[in-house]
C-alpha cells in the first residue's frame, strides 16, 4: 500500500471527502497494478478538462489582479500624502518669500501688511 501523508487534517467536510476519494483511487490503482508515474499520468488526465483548466487560470489571474489592486491602493494613498505635503510646502515657501520681502522693503506699512498676510496663512 502506498503512503498518503497529511501535514494537517482539514476541518471542512468537502476536503475530507476529497482526501478519502484520493486514498480510494490510489488503493484501486494499486489493486489494478498501476503504480507511480502511470497513476499520476492517469490522475493528471482526469483533471485536464479545458473548462477546469480555464477556471484555474482565471482564479490565478483574479488573485494577481487582487494583489495588483492592493498595491495600487497603497500607491494612491502615498501619492495623496505626497500631494498634500507638496501643497503644504508651497504654502510655507510663499510665507517665507513674503517674510523675505518684508525684510527687504523699507516701507513699514508694506512690511506690516506682508507679515500680517503670513500670520493669517499660518
PDB file of N, CA and C in Angstrom:
ATOM      1  N   UNK A   1       0.846  -1.188   0.000  1.00  0.00           N
ATOM      2  CA  UNK A   1       0.000   0.000   0.000  1.00  0.00           C
ATOM      3  C   UNK A   1       0.886   1.243   0.000  1.00  0.00           C
ATOM      4  N   UNK A   2       0.544   2.234  -0.829  1.00  0.00           N
ATOM      5  CA  UNK A   2       1.341   3.465  -0.894  1.00  0.00           C
ATOM      6  C   UNK A   2       1.012   4.357   0.294  1.00  0.00           C
ATOM      7  N   UNK A   3       1.947   5.236   0.593  1.00  0.00           N
ATOM      8  CA  UNK A   3       1.742   6.137   1.726  1.00  0.00           C
ATOM      9  C   UNK A   3       0.971   7.363   1.290  1.00  0.00           C
ATOM     10  N   UNK A   4       0.146   7.825   2.181  1.00  0.00           N
ATOM     11  CA  UNK A   4      -0.605   9.053   1.938  1.00  0.00           C
ATOM     12  C   UNK A   4      -0.472   9.869   3.206  1.00  0.00           C
ATOM     13  N   UNK A   5       0.307  10.936   3.149  1.00  0.00           N
ATOM     14  CA  UNK A   5       0.567  11.729   4.352  1.00  0.00           C
ATOM     15  C   UNK A   5      -0.108  13.087   4.263  1.00  0.00           C
ATOM     16  N   UNK A   6      -0.607  13.516   5.389  1.00  0.00           N
ATOM     17  CA  UNK A   6      -1.212  14.840   5.502  1.00  0.00           C
ATOM     18  C   UNK A   6      -0.409  15.648   6.502  1.00  0.00           C
ATOM     19  N   UNK A   7      -0.161  16.893   6.177  1.00  0.00           N
ATOM     20  CA  UNK A   7       0.544  17.753   7.125  1.00  0.00           C
ATOM     21  C   UNK A   7      -0.387  18.161   8.254  1.00  0.00           C
ATOM     22  N   UNK A   8      -1.660  18.383   7.900  1.00  0.00           N
ATOM     23  CA  UNK A   8      -2.664  18.711   8.919  1.00  0.00           C
ATOM     24  C   UNK A   8      -4.020  18.243   8.421  1.00  0.00           C
ATOM     25  N   UNK A   9      -4.883  17.936   9.334  1.00  0.00           N
ATOM     26  CA  UNK A   9      -6.207  17.452   8.963  1.00  0.00           C
ATOM     27  C   UNK A   9      -7.103  18.631   8.603  1.00  0.00           C
ATOM     28  N   UNK A  10      -7.783  18.527   7.478  1.00  0.00           N
ATOM     29  CA  UNK A  10      -8.706  19.604   7.111  1.00  0.00           C
ATOM     30  C   UNK A  10      -9.936  19.573   8.009  1.00  0.00           C
ATOM     31  N   UNK A  11     -10.533  20.714   8.202  1.00  0.00           N
ATOM     32  CA  UNK A  11     -11.688  20.799   9.091  1.00  0.00           C
ATOM     33  C   UNK A  11     -13.019  20.740   8.336  1.00  0.00           C
ATOM     34  N   UNK A  12     -12.990  21.030   7.040  1.00  0.00           N
ATOM     35  CA  UNK A  12     -14.261  21.035   6.312  1.00  0.00           C
ATOM     36  C   UNK A  12     -14.539  19.671   5.685  1.00  0.00           C
ATOM     37  N   UNK A  13     -15.804  19.400   5.523  1.00  0.00           N
ATOM     38  CA  UNK A  13     -16.262  18.096   5.042  1.00  0.00           C
ATOM     39  C   UNK A  13     -15.836  17.837   3.598  1.00  0.00           C
ATOM     40  N   UNK A  14     -15.862  18.855   2.760  1.00  0.00           N
ATOM     41  CA  UNK A  14     -15.514  18.688   1.350  1.00  0.00           C
ATOM     42  C   UNK A  14     -14.058  18.247   1.192  1.00  0.00           C
ATOM     43  N   UNK A  15     -13.162  18.861   1.940  1.00  0.00           N
ATOM     44  CA  UNK A  15     -11.749  18.473   1.866  1.00  0.00           C
ATOM     45  C   UNK A  15     -11.550  17.042   2.337  1.00  0.00           C
ATOM     46  N   UNK A  16     -12.269  16.654   3.381  1.00  0.00           N
ATOM     47  CA  UNK A  16     -12.163  15.281   3.877  1.00  0.00           C
ATOM     48  C   UNK A  16     -12.636  14.294   2.814  1.00  0.00           C
ATOM     49  N   UNK A  17     -13.730  14.635   2.115  1.00  0.00           N
ATOM     50  CA  UNK A  17     -14.238  13.761   1.052  1.00  0.00           C
ATOM     51  C   UNK A  17     -13.210  13.628  -0.066  1.00  0.00           C
ATOM     52  N   UNK A  18     -12.558  14.746  -0.417  1.00  0.00           N
ATOM     53  CA  UNK A  18     -11.535  14.704  -1.468  1.00  0.00           C
ATOM     54  C   UNK A  18     -10.373  13.798  -1.065  1.00  0.00           C
ATOM     55  N   UNK A  19      -9.970  13.879   0.191  1.00  0.00           N
ATOM     56  CA  UNK A  19      -8.867  13.041   0.677  1.00  0.00           C
ATOM     57  C   UNK A  19      -9.270  11.570   0.640  1.00  0.00           C
ATOM     58  N   UNK A  20     -10.480  11.282   1.078  1.00  0.00           N
ATOM     59  CA  UNK A  20     -10.964   9.896   1.062  1.00  0.00           C
ATOM     60  C   UNK A  20     -11.023   9.379  -0.371  1.00  0.00           C
ATOM     61  N   UNK A  21     -11.512  10.219  -1.297  1.00  0.00           N
ATOM     62  CA  UNK A  21     -11.542   9.826  -2.717  1.00  0.00           C
ATOM     63  C   UNK A  21     -10.140   9.543  -3.233  1.00  0.00           C
ATOM     64  N   UNK A  22      -9.200  10.383  -2.883  1.00  0.00           N
ATOM     65  CA  UNK A  22      -7.812  10.221  -3.339  1.00  0.00           C
ATOM     66  C   UNK A  22      -7.232   8.906  -2.817  1.00  0.00           C
ATOM     67  N   UNK A  23      -7.465   8.630  -1.554  1.00  0.00           N
ATOM     68  CA  UNK A  23      -6.967   7.373  -0.977  1.00  0.00           C
ATOM     69  C   UNK A  23      -7.609   6.181  -1.684  1.00  0.00           C
ATOM     70  N   UNK A  24      -8.918   6.268  -1.920  1.00  0.00           N
ATOM     71  CA  UNK A  24      -9.617   5.173  -2.613  1.00  0.00           C
ATOM     72  C   UNK A  24      -9.067   4.969  -4.014  1.00  0.00           C
ATOM     73  N   UNK A  25      -8.821   6.044  -4.742  1.00  0.00           N
ATOM     74  CA  UNK A  25      -8.267   5.937  -6.096  1.00  0.00           C
ATOM     75  C   UNK A  25      -6.901   5.275  -6.078  1.00  0.00           C
ATOM     76  N   UNK A  26      -6.085   5.665  -5.104  1.00  0.00           N
ATOM     77  CA  UNK A  26      -4.743   5.072  -5.021  1.00  0.00           C
ATOM     78  C   UNK A  26      -4.827   3.580  -4.703  1.00  0.00           C
ATOM     79  N   UNK A  27      -5.748   3.234  -3.806  1.00  0.00           N
ATOM     80  CA  UNK A  27      -5.902   1.817  -3.467  1.00  0.00           C
ATOM     81  C   UNK A  27      -6.378   1.019  -4.677  1.00  0.00           C
ATOM     82  N   UNK A  28      -7.328   1.558  -5.431  1.00  0.00           N
ATOM     83  CA  UNK A  28      -7.806   0.874  -6.641  1.00  0.00           C
ATOM     84  C   UNK A  28      -6.685   0.759  -7.662  1.00  0.00           C
ATOM     85  N   UNK A  29      -5.877   1.803  -7.772  1.00  0.00           N
ATOM     86  CA  UNK A  29      -4.766   1.785  -8.727  1.00  0.00           C
ATOM     87  C   UNK A  29      -3.756   0.715  -8.341  1.00  0.00           C
ATOM     88  N   UNK A  30      -3.494   0.575  -7.035  1.00  0.00           N
ATOM     89  CA  UNK A  30      -2.552  -0.452  -6.578  1.00  0.00           C
ATOM     90  C   UNK A  30      -3.102  -1.847  -6.845  1.00  0.00           C
ATOM     91  N   UNK A  31      -4.397  -2.021  -6.594  1.00  0.00           N
ATOM     92  CA  UNK A  31      -5.021  -3.324  -6.830  1.00  0.00           C
ATOM     93  C   UNK A  31      -4.971  -3.696  -8.307  1.00  0.00           C
ATOM     94  N   UNK A  32      -5.098  -2.706  -9.163  1.00  0.00           N
ATOM     95  CA  UNK A  32      -5.072  -2.963 -10.607  1.00  0.00           C
ATOM     96  C   UNK A  32      -3.641  -3.067 -11.120  1.00  0.00           C
ATOM     97  N   UNK A  33      -2.667  -2.799 -10.267  1.00  0.00           N
ATOM     98  CA  UNK A  33      -1.267  -2.912 -10.666  1.00  0.00           C
ATOM     99  C   UNK A  33      -0.705  -1.639 -11.279  1.00  0.00           C
ATOM    100  N   UNK A  34      -1.431  -0.572 -11.210  1.00  0.00           N
ATOM    101  CA  UNK A  34      -0.940   0.707 -11.736  1.00  0.00           C
ATOM    102  C   UNK A  34      -0.268   1.440 -10.584  1.00  0.00           C
ATOM    103  N   UNK A  35       0.987   1.794 -10.751  1.00  0.00           N
ATOM    104  CA  UNK A  35       1.709   2.466  -9.675  1.00  0.00           C
ATOM    105  C   UNK A  35       2.470   3.669 -10.196  1.00  0.00           C
ATOM    106  N   UNK A  36       2.920   4.476  -9.262  1.00  0.00           N
ATOM    107  CA  UNK A  36       3.847   5.565  -9.546  1.00  0.00           C
ATOM    108  C   UNK A  36       3.430   6.499 -10.659  1.00  0.00           C
ATOM    109  N   UNK A  37       4.271   6.559 -11.685  1.00  0.00           N
ATOM    110  CA  UNK A  37       4.083   7.522 -12.767  1.00  0.00           C
ATOM    111  C   UNK A  37       2.810   7.267 -13.554  1.00  0.00           C
ATOM    112  N   UNK A  38       2.470   5.998 -13.755  1.00  0.00           N
ATOM    113  CA  UNK A  38       1.259   5.687 -14.514  1.00  0.00           C
ATOM    114  C   UNK A  38       0.032   6.241 -13.793  1.00  0.00           C
ATOM    115  N   UNK A  39      -0.005   6.057 -12.470  1.00  0.00           N
ATOM    116  CA  UNK A  39      -1.135   6.567 -11.700  1.00  0.00           C
ATOM    117  C   UNK A  39      -1.204   8.084 -11.814  1.00  0.00           C
ATOM    118  N   UNK A  40      -0.052   8.735 -11.647  1.00  0.00           N
ATOM    119  CA  UNK A  40      -0.021  10.195 -11.716  1.00  0.00           C
ATOM    120  C   UNK A  40      -0.460  10.684 -13.085  1.00  0.00           C
ATOM    121  N   UNK A  41      -0.048   9.967 -14.147  1.00  0.00           N
ATOM    122  CA  UNK A  41      -0.449  10.337 -15.501  1.00  0.00           C
ATOM    123  C   UNK A  41      -1.957  10.231 -15.658  1.00  0.00           C
ATOM    124  N   UNK A  42      -2.523   9.115 -15.195  1.00  0.00           N
ATOM    125  CA  UNK A  42      -3.969   8.927 -15.290  1.00  0.00           C
ATOM    126  C   UNK A  42      -4.698   9.984 -14.470  1.00  0.00           C
ATOM    127  N   UNK A  43      -4.180  10.264 -13.299  1.00  0.00           N
ATOM    128  CA  UNK A  43      -4.784  11.251 -12.419  1.00  0.00           C
ATOM    129  C   UNK A  43      -4.737  12.635 -13.066  1.00  0.00           C
ATOM    130  N   UNK A  44      -3.625  12.955 -13.707  1.00  0.00           N
ATOM    131  CA  UNK A  44      -3.456  14.237 -14.370  1.00  0.00           C
ATOM    132  C   UNK A  44      -4.453  14.371 -15.520  1.00  0.00           C
ATOM    133  N   UNK A  45      -4.647  13.302 -16.284  1.00  0.00           N
ATOM    134  CA  UNK A  45      -5.566  13.352 -17.418  1.00  0.00           C
ATOM    135  C   UNK A  45      -7.004  13.571 -16.962  1.00  0.00           C
ATOM    136  N   UNK A  46      -7.334  13.094 -15.770  1.00  0.00           N
ATOM    137  CA  UNK A  46      -8.677  13.296 -15.243  1.00  0.00           C
ATOM    138  C   UNK A  46      -8.994  14.773 -15.103  1.00  0.00           C
ATOM    139  N   UNK A  47      -7.992  15.564 -14.728  1.00  0.00           N
ATOM    140  CA  UNK A  47      -8.210  16.981 -14.444  1.00  0.00           C
ATOM    141  C   UNK A  47      -7.850  17.886 -15.609  1.00  0.00           C
ATOM    142  N   UNK A  48      -7.620  17.347 -16.766  1.00  0.00           N
ATOM    143  CA  UNK A  48      -7.261  18.186 -17.899  1.00  0.00           C
ATOM    144  C   UNK A  48      -8.479  18.634 -18.694  1.00  0.00           C
ATOM    145  N   UNK A  49      -9.599  18.704 -18.055  1.00  0.00           N
ATOM    146  CA  UNK A  49     -10.805  19.236 -18.669  1.00  0.00           C
ATOM    147  C   UNK A  49     -10.535  20.706 -18.999  1.00  0.00           C
ATOM    148  N   UNK A  50     -10.780  21.144 -20.235  1.00  0.00           N
ATOM    149  CA  UNK A  50     -10.469  22.526 -20.623  1.00  0.00           C
ATOM    150  C   UNK A  50     -11.163  23.568 -19.752  1.00  0.00           C
ATOM    151  N   UNK A  51     -12.388  23.305 -19.362  1.00  0.00           N
ATOM    152  CA  UNK A  51     -13.104  24.264 -18.524  1.00  0.00           C
ATOM    153  C   UNK A  51     -12.447  24.353 -17.157  1.00  0.00           C
ATOM    154  N   UNK A  52     -12.073  23.196 -16.603  1.00  0.00           N
ATOM    155  CA  UNK A  52     -11.390  23.181 -15.311  1.00  0.00           C
ATOM    156  C   UNK A  52     -10.075  23.952 -15.403  1.00  0.00           C
ATOM    157  N   UNK A  53      -9.351  23.740 -16.480  1.00  0.00           N
ATOM    158  CA  UNK A  53      -8.068  24.411 -16.680  1.00  0.00           C
ATOM    159  C   UNK A  53      -8.270  25.922 -16.811  1.00  0.00           C
ATOM    160  N   UNK A  54      -9.279  26.340 -17.579  1.00  0.00           N
ATOM    161  CA  UNK A  54      -9.555  27.767 -17.738  1.00  0.00           C
ATOM    162  C   UNK A  54      -9.980  28.391 -16.419  1.00  0.00           C
ATOM    163  N   UNK A  55     -10.771  27.657 -15.658  1.00  0.00           N
ATOM    164  CA  UNK A  55     -11.192  28.144 -14.352  1.00  0.00           C
ATOM    165  C   UNK A  55      -9.985  28.349 -13.446  1.00  0.00           C
ATOM    166  N   UNK A  56      -9.071  27.392 -13.467  1.00  0.00           N
ATOM    167  CA  UNK A  56      -7.855  27.500 -12.662  1.00  0.00           C
ATOM    168  C   UNK A  56      -7.033  28.724 -13.087  1.00  0.00           C
ATOM    169  N   UNK A  57      -6.899  28.930 -14.388  1.00  0.00           N
ATOM    170  CA  UNK A  57      -6.149  30.082 -14.898  1.00  0.00           C
ATOM    171  C   UNK A  57      -6.828  31.385 -14.481  1.00  0.00           C
ATOM    172  N   UNK A  58      -8.156  31.426 -14.584  1.00  0.00           N
ATOM    173  CA  UNK A  58      -8.885  32.637 -14.206  1.00  0.00           C
ATOM    174  C   UNK A  58      -8.769  32.916 -12.711  1.00  0.00           C
ATOM    175  N   UNK A  59      -8.768  31.872 -11.891  1.00  0.00           N
ATOM    176  CA  UNK A  59      -8.576  32.054 -10.452  1.00  0.00           C
ATOM    177  C   UNK A  59      -7.201  32.646 -10.181  1.00  0.00           C
ATOM    178  N   UNK A  60      -6.204  32.156 -10.897  1.00  0.00           N
ATOM    179  CA  UNK A  60      -4.842  32.664 -10.744  1.00  0.00           C
ATOM    180  C   UNK A  60      -4.773  34.139 -11.164  1.00  0.00           C
ATOM    181  N   UNK A  61      -5.397  34.472 -12.282  1.00  0.00           N
ATOM    182  CA  UNK A  61      -5.412  35.858 -12.761  1.00  0.00           C
ATOM    183  C   UNK A  61      -6.144  36.751 -11.765  1.00  0.00           C
ATOM    184  N   UNK A  62      -7.253  36.270 -11.230  1.00  0.00           N
ATOM    185  CA  UNK A  62      -8.015  37.035 -10.250  1.00  0.00           C
ATOM    186  C   UNK A  62      -7.178  37.312  -9.001  1.00  0.00           C
ATOM    187  N   UNK A  63      -6.427  36.328  -8.552  1.00  0.00           N
ATOM    188  CA  UNK A  63      -5.556  36.519  -7.388  1.00  0.00           C
ATOM    189  C   UNK A  63      -4.490  37.571  -7.689  1.00  0.00           C
ATOM    190  N   UNK A  64      -3.924  37.515  -8.892  1.00  0.00           N
ATOM    191  CA  UNK A  64      -2.913  38.508  -9.267  1.00  0.00           C
ATOM    192  C   UNK A  64      -3.525  39.902  -9.356  1.00  0.00           C
ATOM    193  N   UNK A  65      -4.730  40.001  -9.911  1.00  0.00           N
ATOM    194  CA  UNK A  65      -5.404  41.298 -10.002  1.00  0.00           C
ATOM    195  C   UNK A  65      -5.719  41.857  -8.620  1.00  0.00           C
ATOM    196  N   UNK A  66      -6.079  40.985  -7.713  1.00  0.00           N
ATOM    197  CA  UNK A  66      -6.356  41.410  -6.345  1.00  0.00           C
ATOM    198  C   UNK A  66      -5.097  41.979  -5.692  1.00  0.00           C
ATOM    199  N   UNK A  67      -3.969  41.300  -5.902  1.00  0.00           N
ATOM    200  CA  UNK A  67      -2.699  41.803  -5.368  1.00  0.00           C
ATOM    201  C   UNK A  67      -2.341  43.138  -6.002  1.00  0.00           C
ATOM    202  N   UNK A  68      -2.546  43.255  -7.300  1.00  0.00           N
ATOM    203  CA  UNK A  68      -2.256  44.494  -8.011  1.00  0.00           C
ATOM    204  C   UNK A  68      -3.143  45.623  -7.499  1.00  0.00           C
ATOM    205  N   UNK A  69      -4.414  45.320  -7.254  1.00  0.00           N
ATOM    206  CA  UNK A  69      -5.339  46.319  -6.731  1.00  0.00           C
ATOM    207  C   UNK A  69      -4.874  46.824  -5.368  1.00  0.00           C
ATOM    208  N   UNK A  70      -4.424  45.920  -4.515  1.00  0.00           N
ATOM    209  CA  UNK A  70      -3.933  46.317  -3.192  1.00  0.00           C
ATOM    210  C   UNK A  70      -2.695  47.204  -3.323  1.00  0.00           C
ATOM    211  N   UNK A  71      -1.790  46.847  -4.236  1.00  0.00           N
ATOM    212  CA  UNK A  71      -0.591  47.663  -4.441  1.00  0.00           C
ATOM    213  C   UNK A  71      -0.953  49.036  -4.986  1.00  0.00           C
ATOM    214  N   UNK A  72      -1.889  49.085  -5.926  1.00  0.00           N
ATOM    215  CA  UNK A  72      -2.312  50.366  -6.493  1.00  0.00           C
ATOM    216  C   UNK A  72      -2.995  51.239  -5.444  1.00  0.00           C
ATOM    217  N   UNK A  73      -3.754  50.632  -4.558  1.00  0.00           N
ATOM    218  CA  UNK A  73      -4.390  51.392  -3.476  1.00  0.00           C
ATOM    219  C   UNK A  73      -3.321  52.000  -2.571  1.00  0.00           C
ATOM    220  N   UNK A  74      -2.269  51.240  -2.290  1.00  0.00           N
ATOM    221  CA  UNK A  74      -1.159  51.763  -1.491  1.00  0.00           C
ATOM    222  C   UNK A  74      -0.452  52.908  -2.195  1.00  0.00           C
ATOM    223  N   UNK A  75      -0.244  52.770  -3.493  1.00  0.00           N
ATOM    224  CA  UNK A  75       0.394  53.837  -4.272  1.00  0.00           C
ATOM    225  C   UNK A  75      -0.492  55.077  -4.276  1.00  0.00           C
ATOM    226  N   UNK A  76      -1.796  54.880  -4.425  1.00  0.00           N
ATOM    227  CA  UNK A  76      -2.732  56.005  -4.427  1.00  0.00           C
ATOM    228  C   UNK A  76      -2.680  56.759  -3.102  1.00  0.00           C
ATOM    229  N   UNK A  77      -2.645  56.024  -1.987  1.00  0.00           N
ATOM    230  CA  UNK A  77      -2.546  56.672  -0.674  1.00  0.00           C
ATOM    231  C   UNK A  77      -1.243  57.451  -0.560  1.00  0.00           C
ATOM    232  N   UNK A  78      -0.151  56.842  -1.029  1.00  0.00           N
ATOM    233  CA  UNK A  78       1.150  57.510  -0.962  1.00  0.00           C
ATOM    234  C   UNK A  78       1.158  58.779  -1.800  1.00  0.00           C
ATOM    235  N   UNK A  79       0.560  58.717  -2.988  1.00  0.00           N
ATOM    236  CA  UNK A  79       0.503  59.903  -3.847  1.00  0.00           C
ATOM    237  C   UNK A  79      -0.357  60.999  -3.225  1.00  0.00           C
ATOM    238  N   UNK A  80      -1.438  60.618  -2.575  1.00  0.00           N
ATOM    239  CA  UNK A  80      -2.288  61.610  -1.907  1.00  0.00           C
ATOM    240  C   UNK A  80      -1.525  62.297  -0.782  1.00  0.00           C
ATOM    241  N   UNK A  81      -0.794  61.509   0.006  1.00  0.00           N
ATOM    242  CA  UNK A  81       0.016  62.083   1.081  1.00  0.00           C
ATOM    243  C   UNK A  81       1.082  63.008   0.518  1.00  0.00           C
ATOM    244  N   UNK A  82       1.742  62.574  -0.543  1.00  0.00           N
ATOM    245  CA  UNK A  82       2.783  63.378  -1.175  1.00  0.00           C
ATOM    246  C   UNK A  82       2.208  64.685  -1.711  1.00  0.00           C
ATOM    247  N   UNK A  83       1.049  64.609  -2.329  1.00  0.00           N
ATOM    248  CA  UNK A  83       0.400  65.801  -2.872  1.00  0.00           C
ATOM    249  C   UNK A  83       0.064  66.798  -1.766  1.00  0.00           C
ATOM    250  N   UNK A  84      -0.478  66.310  -0.658  1.00  0.00           N
ATOM    251  CA  UNK A  84      -0.825  67.224   0.437  1.00  0.00           C
ATOM    252  C   UNK A  84       0.429  67.826   1.073  1.00  0.00           C
ATOM    253  N   UNK A  85       1.504  67.044   1.152  1.00  0.00           N
ATOM    254  CA  UNK A  85       2.757  67.583   1.694  1.00  0.00           C
ATOM    255  C   UNK A  85       3.356  68.630   0.758  1.00  0.00           C
ATOM    256  N   UNK A  86       3.215  68.403  -0.557  1.00  0.00           N
ATOM    257  CA  UNK A  86       3.711  69.391  -1.517  1.00  0.00           C
ATOM    258  C   UNK A  86       2.901  70.683  -1.427  1.00  0.00           C
ATOM    259  N   UNK A  87       1.588  70.569  -1.240  1.00  0.00           N
ATOM    260  CA  UNK A  87       0.751  71.760  -1.065  1.00  0.00           C
ATOM    261  C   UNK A  87       1.194  72.542   0.169  1.00  0.00           C
ATOM    262  N   UNK A  88       1.478  71.811   1.230  1.00  0.00           N
ATOM    263  CA  UNK A  88       1.957  72.458   2.458  1.00  0.00           C
ATOM    264  C   UNK A  88       3.304  73.140   2.222  1.00  0.00           C
ATOM    265  N   UNK A  89       4.181  72.485   1.492  1.00  0.00           N
ATOM    266  CA  UNK A  89       5.496  73.046   1.182  1.00  0.00           C
ATOM    267  C   UNK A  89       5.360  74.330   0.360  1.00  0.00           C
ATOM    268  N   UNK A  90       4.445  74.330  -0.604  1.00  0.00           N
ATOM    269  CA  UNK A  90       4.202  75.537  -1.411  1.00  0.00           C
ATOM    270  C   UNK A  90       3.703  76.666  -0.518  1.00  0.00           C
ATOM    271  N   UNK A  91       2.796  76.355   0.381  1.00  0.00           N
ATOM    272  CA  UNK A  91       2.254  77.369   1.300  1.00  0.00           C
ATOM    273  C   UNK A  91       3.353  77.958   2.183  1.00  0.00           C
ATOM    274  N   UNK A  92       4.205  77.088   2.719  1.00  0.00           N
ATOM    275  CA  UNK A  92       5.309  77.552   3.567  1.00  0.00           C
ATOM    276  C   UNK A  92       6.308  78.371   2.752  1.00  0.00           C
ATOM    277  N   UNK A  93       6.588  77.938   1.526  1.00  0.00           N
ATOM    278  CA  UNK A  93       7.525  78.674   0.660  1.00  0.00           C
ATOM    279  C   UNK A  93       7.007  80.078   0.378  1.00  0.00           C
ATOM    280  N   UNK A  94       5.716  80.200   0.101  1.00  0.00           N
ATOM    281  CA  UNK A  94       5.131  81.528  -0.141  1.00  0.00           C
ATOM    282  C   UNK A  94       5.260  82.411   1.096  1.00  0.00           C
ATOM    283  N   UNK A  95       5.026  81.798   2.265  1.00  0.00           N
ATOM    284  CA  UNK A  95       5.155  82.563   3.507  1.00  0.00           C
ATOM    285  C   UNK A  95       6.593  83.035   3.698  1.00  0.00           C
ATOM    286  N   UNK A  96       7.562  82.177   3.392  1.00  0.00           N
ATOM    287  CA  UNK A  96       8.970  82.562   3.530  1.00  0.00           C
ATOM    288  C   UNK A  96       9.351  83.668   2.549  1.00  0.00           C
ATOM    289  N   UNK A  97       8.808  83.613   1.350  1.00  0.00           N
ATOM    290  CA  UNK A  97       9.071  84.672   0.365  1.00  0.00           C
ATOM    291  C   UNK A  97       8.514  86.000   0.876  1.00  0.00           C
ATOM    292  N   UNK A  98       7.318  85.977   1.439  1.00  0.00           N
ATOM    293  CA  UNK A  98       6.722  87.208   1.972  1.00  0.00           C
ATOM    294  C   UNK A  98       7.547  87.760   3.129  1.00  0.00           C
ATOM    295  N   UNK A  99       8.040  86.872   3.988  1.00  0.00           N
ATOM    296  CA  UNK A  99       8.876  87.318   5.111  1.00  0.00           C
ATOM    297  C   UNK A  99      10.175  87.922   4.590  1.00  0.00           C
ATOM    298  N   UNK A 100      10.768  87.284   3.591  1.00  0.00           N
ATOM    299  CA  UNK A 100      11.997  87.816   2.997  1.00  0.00           C
ATOM    300  C   UNK A 100      11.743  89.182   2.376  1.00  0.00           C
ATOM    301  N   UNK A 101      10.621  89.332   1.688  1.00  0.00           N
ATOM    302  CA  UNK A 101      10.270  90.630   1.106  1.00  0.00           C
ATOM    303  C   UNK A 101      10.058  91.674   2.195  1.00  0.00           C
ATOM    304  N   UNK A 102       9.435  91.249   3.291  1.00  0.00           N
ATOM    305  CA  UNK A 102       9.188  92.188   4.388  1.00  0.00           C
ATOM    306  C   UNK A 102      10.497  92.719   4.951  1.00  0.00           C
ATOM    307  N   UNK A 103      11.530  91.886   4.972  1.00  0.00           N
ATOM    308  CA  UNK A 103      12.830  92.331   5.484  1.00  0.00           C
ATOM    309  C   UNK A 103      13.539  93.257   4.500  1.00  0.00           C
ATOM    310  N   UNK A 104      13.213  93.148   3.217  1.00  0.00           N
ATOM    311  CA  UNK A 104      13.861  93.974   2.196  1.00  0.00           C
ATOM    312  C   UNK A 104      13.160  95.325   2.046  1.00  0.00           C
ATOM    313  N   UNK A 105      11.839  95.324   2.139  1.00  0.00           N
ATOM    314  CA  UNK A 105      11.053  96.543   1.915  1.00  0.00           C
ATOM    315  C   UNK A 105      11.276  97.522   3.064  1.00  0.00           C
ATOM    316  N   UNK A 106      11.446  98.778   2.679  1.00  0.00           N
ATOM    317  CA  UNK A 106      11.693  99.814   3.696  1.00  0.00           C
ATOM    318  C   UNK A 106      10.404 100.412   4.236  1.00  0.00           C
ATOM    319  N   UNK A 107       9.330 100.306   3.480  1.00  0.00           N
ATOM    320  CA  UNK A 107       8.058 100.876   3.912  1.00  0.00           C
ATOM    321  C   UNK A 107       7.485 100.032   5.049  1.00  0.00           C
ATOM    322  N   UNK A 108       7.241 100.709   6.175  1.00  0.00           N
ATOM    323  CA  UNK A 108       6.709  99.997   7.344  1.00  0.00           C
ATOM    324  C   UNK A 108       5.311  99.443   7.083  1.00  0.00           C
ATOM    325  N   UNK A 109       4.504 100.186   6.375  1.00  0.00           N
ATOM    326  CA  UNK A 109       3.132  99.737   6.105  1.00  0.00           C
ATOM    327  C   UNK A 109       3.135  98.473   5.241  1.00  0.00           C
ATOM    328  N   UNK A 110       3.958  98.462   4.196  1.00  0.00           N
ATOM    329  CA  UNK A 110       4.044  97.291   3.309  1.00  0.00           C
ATOM    330  C   UNK A 110       4.609  96.095   4.068  1.00  0.00           C
ATOM    331  N   UNK A 111       5.616  96.339   4.902  1.00  0.00           N
ATOM    332  CA  UNK A 111       6.221  95.265   5.704  1.00  0.00           C
ATOM    333  C   UNK A 111       5.187  94.676   6.662  1.00  0.00           C
ATOM    334  N   UNK A 112       4.446  95.584   7.326  1.00  0.00           N
ATOM    335  CA  UNK A 112       3.429  95.146   8.274  1.00  0.00           C
ATOM    336  C   UNK A 112       2.356  94.315   7.564  1.00  0.00           C
ATOM    337  N   UNK A 113       1.960  94.760   6.368  1.00  0.00           N
ATOM    338  CA  UNK A 113       0.943  94.039   5.592  1.00  0.00           C
ATOM    339  C   UNK A 113       1.429  92.636   5.223  1.00  0.00           C
ATOM    340  N   UNK A 114       2.677  92.501   4.761  1.00  0.00           N
ATOM    341  CA  UNK A 114       3.230  91.188   4.397  1.00  0.00           C
ATOM    342  C   UNK A 114       3.290  90.252   5.605  1.00  0.00           C
ATOM    343  N   UNK A 115       3.712  90.782   6.735  1.00  0.00           N
ATOM    344  CA  UNK A 115       3.808  89.959   7.952  1.00  0.00           C
ATOM    345  C   UNK A 115       2.413  89.526   8.412  1.00  0.00           C
ATOM    346  N   UNK A 116       1.428  90.426   8.307  1.00  0.00           N
ATOM    347  CA  UNK A 116       0.050  90.064   8.662  1.00  0.00           C
ATOM    348  C   UNK A 116      -0.483  88.958   7.743  1.00  0.00           C
ATOM    349  N   UNK A 117      -0.171  89.063   6.449  1.00  0.00           N
ATOM    350  CA  UNK A 117      -0.590  88.019   5.498  1.00  0.00           C
ATOM    351  C   UNK A 117      -0.008  86.656   5.884  1.00  0.00           C
ATOM    352  N   UNK A 118       1.275  86.669   6.263  1.00  0.00           N
ATOM    353  CA  UNK A 118       1.936  85.417   6.658  1.00  0.00           C
ATOM    354  C   UNK A 118       1.281  84.853   7.915  1.00  0.00           C
ATOM    355  N   UNK A 119       0.990  85.706   8.869  1.00  0.00           N
ATOM    356  CA  UNK A 119       0.372  85.252  10.120  1.00  0.00           C
ATOM    357  C   UNK A 119      -1.021  84.662   9.867  1.00  0.00           C
ATOM    358  N   UNK A 120      -1.759  85.250   8.939  1.00  0.00           N
ATOM    359  CA  UNK A 120      -3.087  84.723   8.603  1.00  0.00           C
ATOM    360  C   UNK A 120      -2.989  83.341   7.953  1.00  0.00           C
ATOM    361  N   UNK A 121      -1.989  83.167   7.097  1.00  0.00           N
ATOM    362  CA  UNK A 121      -1.823  81.884   6.408  1.00  0.00           C
ATOM    363  C   UNK A 121      -1.417  80.772   7.363  1.00  0.00           C
ATOM    364  N   UNK A 122      -0.639  81.131   8.359  1.00  0.00           N
ATOM    365  CA  UNK A 122      -0.166  80.118   9.306  1.00  0.00           C
ATOM    366  C   UNK A 122      -1.271  79.853  10.297  1.00  0.00           C
TER     367      UNK A 122
END
